[in-house]
C-alpha cells in the first residue's frame, strides 16, 4: 500500500487496485478508516476523535492533490508524496 503522507503517527495511503469512489486509507496504531475524497467524509472504519479531526483537516487542505493521486493510481503511475500537517 503506497504511502502518501505521514503526520502525528497517522499514515495516509492508497491501494493501486482499489475500488471507487475515490478514497484513501488512514491508519493510526490499530485504528483504520477509509475516507472519501470528494465529497470529504468517512466511508468506514474508526479513528479516535483527535486522529479523525487531524485527518479531516489534512484532507480539506489537500483535496485536489488527493484526487490527482487517485487518478495517477488508476493510470498505474507512481503516487506523489503530499505535505503533512505541521
PDB file of N, CA and C in Angstrom:
ATOM      1  N   UNK A   1       0.850  -1.175   0.000  1.00  0.00           N
ATOM      2  CA  UNK A   1       0.000   0.000   0.000  1.00  0.00           C
ATOM      3  C   UNK A   1       0.892   1.234   0.000  1.00  0.00           C
ATOM      4  N   UNK A   2       0.953   1.950  -1.095  1.00  0.00           N
ATOM      5  CA  UNK A   2       1.798   3.134  -1.182  1.00  0.00           C
ATOM      6  C   UNK A   2       1.370   4.241  -0.212  1.00  0.00           C
ATOM      7  N   UNK A   3       2.350   4.759   0.497  1.00  0.00           N
ATOM      8  CA  UNK A   3       2.116   5.808   1.488  1.00  0.00           C
ATOM      9  C   UNK A   3       2.192   7.171   0.817  1.00  0.00           C
ATOM     10  N   UNK A   4       1.161   7.983   1.052  1.00  0.00           N
ATOM     11  CA  UNK A   4       1.137   9.342   0.517  1.00  0.00           C
ATOM     12  C   UNK A   4       1.702  10.347   1.505  1.00  0.00           C
ATOM     13  N   UNK A   5       1.463  10.082   2.791  1.00  0.00           N
ATOM     14  CA  UNK A   5       1.831  11.055   3.805  1.00  0.00           C
ATOM     15  C   UNK A   5       1.845  10.386   5.175  1.00  0.00           C
ATOM     16  N   UNK A   6       2.583  11.025   6.093  1.00  0.00           N
ATOM     17  CA  UNK A   6       2.627  10.552   7.481  1.00  0.00           C
ATOM     18  C   UNK A   6       2.744  11.785   8.370  1.00  0.00           C
ATOM     19  N   UNK A   7       1.859  11.892   9.360  1.00  0.00           N
ATOM     20  CA  UNK A   7       1.913  13.009  10.302  1.00  0.00           C
ATOM     21  C   UNK A   7       1.281  12.600  11.627  1.00  0.00           C
ATOM     22  N   UNK A   8       1.895  13.025  12.717  1.00  0.00           N
ATOM     23  CA  UNK A   8       1.405  12.766  14.074  1.00  0.00           C
ATOM     24  C   UNK A   8       1.046  11.296  14.301  1.00  0.00           C
ATOM     25  N   UNK A   9       1.820  10.400  13.714  1.00  0.00           N
ATOM     26  CA  UNK A   9       1.575   8.970  13.875  1.00  0.00           C
ATOM     27  C   UNK A   9       0.506   8.400  12.969  1.00  0.00           C
ATOM     28  N   UNK A  10      -0.053   9.206  12.093  1.00  0.00           N
ATOM     29  CA  UNK A  10      -1.104   8.781  11.161  1.00  0.00           C
ATOM     30  C   UNK A  10      -0.474   8.529   9.799  1.00  0.00           C
ATOM     31  N   UNK A  11      -0.785   7.389   9.204  1.00  0.00           N
ATOM     32  CA  UNK A  11      -0.296   7.060   7.867  1.00  0.00           C
ATOM     33  C   UNK A  11      -1.460   7.175   6.893  1.00  0.00           C
ATOM     34  N   UNK A  12      -1.246   7.894   5.791  1.00  0.00           N
ATOM     35  CA  UNK A  12      -2.247   8.058   4.729  1.00  0.00           C
ATOM     36  C   UNK A  12      -1.736   7.281   3.516  1.00  0.00           C
ATOM     37  N   UNK A  13      -2.580   6.401   2.969  1.00  0.00           N
ATOM     38  CA  UNK A  13      -2.142   5.545   1.869  1.00  0.00           C
ATOM     39  C   UNK A  13      -3.287   5.269   0.902  1.00  0.00           C
ATOM     40  N   UNK A  14      -2.912   4.782  -0.282  1.00  0.00           N
ATOM     41  CA  UNK A  14      -3.869   4.343  -1.309  1.00  0.00           C
ATOM     42  C   UNK A  14      -3.393   3.012  -1.865  1.00  0.00           C
ATOM     43  N   UNK A  15      -4.347   2.148  -2.183  1.00  0.00           N
ATOM     44  CA  UNK A  15      -4.035   0.890  -2.857  1.00  0.00           C
ATOM     45  C   UNK A  15      -4.121   1.114  -4.364  1.00  0.00           C
ATOM     46  N   UNK A  16      -3.222   0.481  -5.124  1.00  0.00           N
ATOM     47  CA  UNK A  16      -3.264   0.617  -6.581  1.00  0.00           C
ATOM     48  C   UNK A  16      -4.486  -0.046  -7.192  1.00  0.00           C
ATOM     49  N   UNK A  17      -4.972  -1.125  -6.586  1.00  0.00           N
ATOM     50  CA  UNK A  17      -6.093  -1.859  -7.178  1.00  0.00           C
ATOM     51  C   UNK A  17      -7.402  -1.628  -6.427  1.00  0.00           C
ATOM     52  N   UNK A  18      -7.567  -0.440  -5.853  1.00  0.00           N
ATOM     53  CA  UNK A  18      -8.743  -0.156  -5.034  1.00  0.00           C
ATOM     54  C   UNK A  18      -9.960   0.190  -5.885  1.00  0.00           C
ATOM     55  N   UNK A  19     -11.099   0.186  -5.267  1.00  0.00           N
ATOM     56  CA  UNK A  19     -12.411   0.386  -5.889  1.00  0.00           C
ATOM     57  C   UNK A  19     -12.863   1.837  -5.770  1.00  0.00           C
ATOM     58  N   UNK A  20     -13.848   2.208  -6.584  1.00  0.00           N
ATOM     59  CA  UNK A  20     -14.481   3.523  -6.476  1.00  0.00           C
ATOM     60  C   UNK A  20     -15.389   3.517  -5.242  1.00  0.00           C
ATOM     61  N   UNK A  21     -15.714   4.655  -4.701  1.00  0.00           N
ATOM     62  CA  UNK A  21     -15.387   6.020  -5.079  1.00  0.00           C
ATOM     63  C   UNK A  21     -13.954   6.369  -4.684  1.00  0.00           C
ATOM     64  N   UNK A  22     -13.421   7.470  -5.222  1.00  0.00           N
ATOM     65  CA  UNK A  22     -12.074   7.890  -4.858  1.00  0.00           C
ATOM     66  C   UNK A  22     -11.939   8.055  -3.342  1.00  0.00           C
ATOM     67  N   UNK A  23     -10.983   7.355  -2.777  1.00  0.00           N
ATOM     68  CA  UNK A  23     -10.802   7.394  -1.328  1.00  0.00           C
ATOM     69  C   UNK A  23      -9.363   7.053  -0.956  1.00  0.00           C
ATOM     70  N   UNK A  24      -9.062   7.212   0.320  1.00  0.00           N
ATOM     71  CA  UNK A  24      -7.749   6.835   0.842  1.00  0.00           C
ATOM     72  C   UNK A  24      -7.940   6.156   2.185  1.00  0.00           C
ATOM     73  N   UNK A  25      -6.870   5.554   2.658  1.00  0.00           N
ATOM     74  CA  UNK A  25      -6.882   4.831   3.929  1.00  0.00           C
ATOM     75  C   UNK A  25      -6.060   5.614   4.940  1.00  0.00           C
ATOM     76  N   UNK A  26      -6.567   5.711   6.160  1.00  0.00           N
ATOM     77  CA  UNK A  26      -5.843   6.335   7.262  1.00  0.00           C
ATOM     78  C   UNK A  26      -5.629   5.271   8.332  1.00  0.00           C
ATOM     79  N   UNK A  27      -4.392   5.163   8.794  1.00  0.00           N
ATOM     80  CA  UNK A  27      -4.032   4.156   9.792  1.00  0.00           C
ATOM     81  C   UNK A  27      -3.383   4.891  10.963  1.00  0.00           C
ATOM     82  N   UNK A  28      -3.906   4.631  12.152  1.00  0.00           N
ATOM     83  CA  UNK A  28      -3.377   5.250  13.362  1.00  0.00           C
ATOM     84  C   UNK A  28      -3.292   4.172  14.432  1.00  0.00           C
ATOM     85  N   UNK A  29      -2.100   3.626  14.607  1.00  0.00           N
ATOM     86  CA  UNK A  29      -1.941   2.499  15.530  1.00  0.00           C
ATOM     87  C   UNK A  29      -2.749   1.312  15.025  1.00  0.00           C
ATOM     88  N   UNK A  30      -3.656   0.820  15.852  1.00  0.00           N
ATOM     89  CA  UNK A  30      -4.508  -0.304  15.451  1.00  0.00           C
ATOM     90  C   UNK A  30      -5.816   0.156  14.809  1.00  0.00           C
ATOM     91  N   UNK A  31      -6.026   1.462  14.715  1.00  0.00           N
ATOM     92  CA  UNK A  31      -7.256   2.002  14.131  1.00  0.00           C
ATOM     93  C   UNK A  31      -7.091   2.179  12.627  1.00  0.00           C
ATOM     94  N   UNK A  32      -8.155   1.892  11.905  1.00  0.00           N
ATOM     95  CA  UNK A  32      -8.142   2.002  10.452  1.00  0.00           C
ATOM     96  C   UNK A  32      -9.446   2.628   9.980  1.00  0.00           C
ATOM     97  N   UNK A  33      -9.339   3.473   8.942  1.00  0.00           N
ATOM     98  CA  UNK A  33     -10.535   4.097   8.378  1.00  0.00           C
ATOM     99  C   UNK A  33     -10.293   4.399   6.908  1.00  0.00           C
ATOM    100  N   UNK A  34     -11.391   4.470   6.154  1.00  0.00           N
ATOM    101  CA  UNK A  34     -11.354   4.883   4.754  1.00  0.00           C
ATOM    102  C   UNK A  34     -12.119   6.191   4.636  1.00  0.00           C
ATOM    103  N   UNK A  35     -11.548   7.135   3.892  1.00  0.00           N
ATOM    104  CA  UNK A  35     -12.154   8.449   3.717  1.00  0.00           C
ATOM    105  C   UNK A  35     -12.429   8.720   2.247  1.00  0.00           C
ATOM    106  N   UNK A  36     -13.637   9.160   1.937  1.00  0.00           N
ATOM    107  CA  UNK A  36     -13.989   9.609   0.599  1.00  0.00           C
ATOM    108  C   UNK A  36     -13.301  10.955   0.374  1.00  0.00           C
ATOM    109  N   UNK A  37     -12.800  11.174  -0.824  1.00  0.00           N
ATOM    110  CA  UNK A  37     -12.092  12.413  -1.122  1.00  0.00           C
ATOM    111  C   UNK A  37     -13.060  13.522  -1.520  1.00  0.00           C
ATOM    112  N   UNK A  38     -14.038  13.204  -2.354  1.00  0.00           N
ATOM    113  CA  UNK A  38     -14.979  14.217  -2.813  1.00  0.00           C
ATOM    114  C   UNK A  38     -16.350  13.594  -3.014  1.00  0.00           C
ATOM    115  N   UNK A  39     -17.285  13.886  -2.131  1.00  0.00           N
ATOM    116  CA  UNK A  39     -17.189  14.823  -1.013  1.00  0.00           C
ATOM    117  C   UNK A  39     -16.401  14.220   0.138  1.00  0.00           C
ATOM    118  N   UNK A  40     -15.735  15.069   0.873  1.00  0.00           N
ATOM    119  CA  UNK A  40     -14.926  14.657   2.011  1.00  0.00           C
ATOM    120  C   UNK A  40     -15.812  13.997   3.062  1.00  0.00           C
ATOM    121  N   UNK A  41     -15.425  12.798   3.488  1.00  0.00           N
ATOM    122  CA  UNK A  41     -16.192  12.132   4.534  1.00  0.00           C
ATOM    123  C   UNK A  41     -15.652  10.757   4.859  1.00  0.00           C
ATOM    124  N   UNK A  42     -16.015  10.275   6.019  1.00  0.00           N
ATOM    125  CA  UNK A  42     -15.632   8.949   6.482  1.00  0.00           C
ATOM    126  C   UNK A  42     -16.494   7.904   5.782  1.00  0.00           C
ATOM    127  N   UNK A  43     -15.860   6.948   5.100  1.00  0.00           N
ATOM    128  CA  UNK A  43     -16.596   5.872   4.433  1.00  0.00           C
ATOM    129  C   UNK A  43     -16.843   4.706   5.374  1.00  0.00           C
ATOM    130  N   UNK A  44     -15.770   4.262   6.045  1.00  0.00           N
ATOM    131  CA  UNK A  44     -15.919   3.174   7.000  1.00  0.00           C
ATOM    132  C   UNK A  44     -14.705   3.129   7.912  1.00  0.00           C
ATOM    133  N   UNK A  45     -14.870   2.434   9.002  1.00  0.00           N
ATOM    134  CA  UNK A  45     -13.799   2.330   9.974  1.00  0.00           C
ATOM    135  C   UNK A  45     -13.977   3.323  11.100  1.00  0.00           C
ATOM    136  N   UNK A  46     -12.910   3.433  11.895  1.00  0.00           N
ATOM    137  CA  UNK A  46     -12.983   4.293  13.068  1.00  0.00           C
ATOM    138  C   UNK A  46     -11.598   4.807  13.423  1.00  0.00           C
ATOM    139  N   UNK A  47     -11.543   6.084  13.792  1.00  0.00           N
ATOM    140  CA  UNK A  47     -10.337   6.699  14.335  1.00  0.00           C
ATOM    141  C   UNK A  47     -10.731   7.426  15.616  1.00  0.00           C
ATOM    142  N   UNK A  48      -9.771   7.615  16.497  1.00  0.00           N
ATOM    143  CA  UNK A  48     -10.043   8.395  17.703  1.00  0.00           C
ATOM    144  C   UNK A  48     -10.482   9.794  17.285  1.00  0.00           C
ATOM    145  N   UNK A  49     -11.204  10.503  18.145  1.00  0.00           N
ATOM    146  CA  UNK A  49     -11.658  11.851  17.773  1.00  0.00           C
ATOM    147  C   UNK A  49     -10.513  12.779  17.354  1.00  0.00           C
ATOM    148  N   UNK A  50      -9.383  12.717  18.044  1.00  0.00           N
ATOM    149  CA  UNK A  50      -8.241  13.572  17.695  1.00  0.00           C
ATOM    150  C   UNK A  50      -7.704  13.213  16.312  1.00  0.00           C
ATOM    151  N   UNK A  51      -7.483  11.929  16.051  1.00  0.00           N
ATOM    152  CA  UNK A  51      -6.974  11.498  14.751  1.00  0.00           C
ATOM    153  C   UNK A  51      -7.975  11.827  13.651  1.00  0.00           C
ATOM    154  N   UNK A  52      -9.253  11.638  13.911  1.00  0.00           N
ATOM    155  CA  UNK A  52     -10.288  11.957  12.925  1.00  0.00           C
ATOM    156  C   UNK A  52     -10.243  13.441  12.568  1.00  0.00           C
ATOM    157  N   UNK A  53     -10.108  14.298  13.561  1.00  0.00           N
ATOM    158  CA  UNK A  53     -10.038  15.744  13.308  1.00  0.00           C
ATOM    159  C   UNK A  53      -8.799  16.102  12.495  1.00  0.00           C
ATOM    160  N   UNK A  54      -7.663  15.484  12.813  1.00  0.00           N
ATOM    161  CA  UNK A  54      -6.432  15.767  12.076  1.00  0.00           C
ATOM    162  C   UNK A  54      -6.529  15.312  10.621  1.00  0.00           C
ATOM    163  N   UNK A  55      -7.066  14.122  10.399  1.00  0.00           N
ATOM    164  CA  UNK A  55      -7.207  13.614   9.024  1.00  0.00           C
ATOM    165  C   UNK A  55      -8.192  14.479   8.243  1.00  0.00           C
ATOM    166  N   UNK A  56      -9.270  14.888   8.866  1.00  0.00           N
ATOM    167  CA  UNK A  56     -10.253  15.737   8.191  1.00  0.00           C
ATOM    168  C   UNK A  56      -9.638  17.078   7.807  1.00  0.00           C
ATOM    169  N   UNK A  57      -8.888  17.675   8.719  1.00  0.00           N
ATOM    170  CA  UNK A  57      -8.214  18.948   8.427  1.00  0.00           C
ATOM    171  C   UNK A  57      -7.220  18.780   7.286  1.00  0.00           C
ATOM    172  N   UNK A  58      -6.395  17.732   7.346  1.00  0.00           N
ATOM    173  CA  UNK A  58      -5.404  17.479   6.303  1.00  0.00           C
ATOM    174  C   UNK A  58      -6.076  17.264   4.951  1.00  0.00           C
ATOM    175  N   UNK A  59      -7.158  16.489   4.932  1.00  0.00           N
ATOM    176  CA  UNK A  59      -7.856  16.202   3.680  1.00  0.00           C
ATOM    177  C   UNK A  59      -8.417  17.471   3.055  1.00  0.00           C
ATOM    178  N   UNK A  60      -8.991  18.338   3.872  1.00  0.00           N
ATOM    179  CA  UNK A  60      -9.537  19.600   3.358  1.00  0.00           C
ATOM    180  C   UNK A  60      -8.447  20.444   2.706  1.00  0.00           C
ATOM    181  N   UNK A  61      -7.248  20.398   3.248  1.00  0.00           N
ATOM    182  CA  UNK A  61      -6.133  21.172   2.693  1.00  0.00           C
ATOM    183  C   UNK A  61      -5.574  20.572   1.404  1.00  0.00           C
ATOM    184  N   UNK A  62      -5.739  19.267   1.223  1.00  0.00           N
ATOM    185  CA  UNK A  62      -5.075  18.570   0.109  1.00  0.00           C
ATOM    186  C   UNK A  62      -6.047  17.796  -0.788  1.00  0.00           C
ATOM    187  N   UNK A  63      -7.286  18.226  -0.836  1.00  0.00           N
ATOM    188  CA  UNK A  63      -8.304  17.503  -1.595  1.00  0.00           C
ATOM    189  C   UNK A  63      -7.938  17.380  -3.074  1.00  0.00           C
ATOM    190  N   UNK A  64      -7.475  18.442  -3.691  1.00  0.00           N
ATOM    191  CA  UNK A  64      -7.117  18.385  -5.113  1.00  0.00           C
ATOM    192  C   UNK A  64      -5.939  17.446  -5.350  1.00  0.00           C
ATOM    193  N   UNK A  65      -4.951  17.487  -4.477  1.00  0.00           N
ATOM    194  CA  UNK A  65      -3.793  16.603  -4.601  1.00  0.00           C
ATOM    195  C   UNK A  65      -4.199  15.138  -4.426  1.00  0.00           C
ATOM    196  N   UNK A  66      -5.154  14.892  -3.542  1.00  0.00           N
ATOM    197  CA  UNK A  66      -5.641  13.528  -3.334  1.00  0.00           C
ATOM    198  C   UNK A  66      -6.376  13.016  -4.567  1.00  0.00           C
ATOM    199  N   UNK A  67      -7.179  13.867  -5.195  1.00  0.00           N
ATOM    200  CA  UNK A  67      -7.864  13.460  -6.425  1.00  0.00           C
ATOM    201  C   UNK A  67      -6.854  13.188  -7.542  1.00  0.00           C
ATOM    202  N   UNK A  68      -5.812  14.007  -7.612  1.00  0.00           N
ATOM    203  CA  UNK A  68      -4.751  13.773  -8.601  1.00  0.00           C
ATOM    204  C   UNK A  68      -4.059  12.434  -8.323  1.00  0.00           C
ATOM    205  N   UNK A  69      -3.791  12.155  -7.063  1.00  0.00           N
ATOM    206  CA  UNK A  69      -3.162  10.879  -6.696  1.00  0.00           C
ATOM    207  C   UNK A  69      -4.065   9.716  -7.075  1.00  0.00           C
ATOM    208  N   UNK A  70      -5.365   9.845  -6.854  1.00  0.00           N
ATOM    209  CA  UNK A  70      -6.311   8.787  -7.225  1.00  0.00           C
ATOM    210  C   UNK A  70      -6.253   8.526  -8.728  1.00  0.00           C
ATOM    211  N   UNK A  71      -6.220   9.584  -9.515  1.00  0.00           N
ATOM    212  CA  UNK A  71      -6.159   9.436 -10.974  1.00  0.00           C
ATOM    213  C   UNK A  71      -4.833   8.824 -11.422  1.00  0.00           C
ATOM    214  N   UNK A  72      -3.742   9.215 -10.791  1.00  0.00           N
ATOM    215  CA  UNK A  72      -2.440   8.617 -11.108  1.00  0.00           C
ATOM    216  C   UNK A  72      -2.432   7.140 -10.749  1.00  0.00           C
ATOM    217  N   UNK A  73      -3.024   6.806  -9.623  1.00  0.00           N
ATOM    218  CA  UNK A  73      -3.131   5.413  -9.178  1.00  0.00           C
ATOM    219  C   UNK A  73      -3.869   4.596 -10.221  1.00  0.00           C
ATOM    220  N   UNK A  74      -4.993   5.132 -10.716  1.00  0.00           N
ATOM    221  CA  UNK A  74      -5.798   4.421 -11.714  1.00  0.00           C
ATOM    222  C   UNK A  74      -5.025   4.213 -13.015  1.00  0.00           C
ATOM    223  N   UNK A  75      -4.101   5.137 -13.319  1.00  0.00           N
ATOM    224  CA  UNK A  75      -3.293   5.031 -14.533  1.00  0.00           C
ATOM    225  C   UNK A  75      -2.026   4.196 -14.297  1.00  0.00           C
ATOM    226  N   UNK A  76      -1.853   3.680 -13.090  1.00  0.00           N
ATOM    227  CA  UNK A  76      -0.690   2.858 -12.785  1.00  0.00           C
ATOM    228  C   UNK A  76       0.592   3.650 -12.591  1.00  0.00           C
ATOM    229  N   UNK A  77       0.468   4.937 -12.366  1.00  0.00           N
ATOM    230  CA  UNK A  77       1.640   5.793 -12.169  1.00  0.00           C
ATOM    231  C   UNK A  77       2.039   5.843 -10.696  1.00  0.00           C
ATOM    232  N   UNK A  78       3.254   6.274 -10.457  1.00  0.00           N
ATOM    233  CA  UNK A  78       3.733   6.408  -9.093  1.00  0.00           C
ATOM    234  C   UNK A  78       2.945   7.490  -8.369  1.00  0.00           C
ATOM    235  N   UNK A  79       2.622   7.230  -7.107  1.00  0.00           N
ATOM    236  CA  UNK A  79       1.854   8.193  -6.325  1.00  0.00           C
ATOM    237  C   UNK A  79       2.776   9.257  -5.731  1.00  0.00           C
ATOM    238  N   UNK A  80       2.285  10.499  -5.697  1.00  0.00           N
ATOM    239  CA  UNK A  80       3.108  11.581  -5.155  1.00  0.00           C
ATOM    240  C   UNK A  80       3.094  11.577  -3.625  1.00  0.00           C
ATOM    241  N   UNK A  81       4.101  12.170  -3.035  1.00  0.00           N
ATOM    242  CA  UNK A  81       4.073  12.448  -1.596  1.00  0.00           C
ATOM    243  C   UNK A  81       3.314  13.746  -1.397  1.00  0.00           C
ATOM    244  N   UNK A  82       2.524  13.818  -0.364  1.00  0.00           N
ATOM    245  CA  UNK A  82       1.740  15.010  -0.064  1.00  0.00           C
ATOM    246  C   UNK A  82       2.225  15.543   1.282  1.00  0.00           C
ATOM    247  N   UNK A  83       2.323  16.851   1.388  1.00  0.00           N
ATOM    248  CA  UNK A  83       2.825  17.506   2.599  1.00  0.00           C
ATOM    249  C   UNK A  83       1.993  17.128   3.834  1.00  0.00           C
ATOM    250  N   UNK A  84       2.655  16.887   4.943  1.00  0.00           N
ATOM    251  CA  UNK A  84       1.941  16.567   6.181  1.00  0.00           C
ATOM    252  C   UNK A  84       1.448  17.822   6.898  1.00  0.00           C
ATOM    253  N   UNK A  85       0.576  17.607   7.877  1.00  0.00           N
ATOM    254  CA  UNK A  85       0.220  18.695   8.788  1.00  0.00           C
ATOM    255  C   UNK A  85       1.436  18.989   9.643  1.00  0.00           C
ATOM    256  N   UNK A  86       1.585  20.216  10.029  1.00  0.00           N
ATOM    257  CA  UNK A  86       2.704  20.595  10.894  1.00  0.00           C
ATOM    258  C   UNK A  86       2.178  21.282  12.126  1.00  0.00           C
TER     259      UNK A  86
END
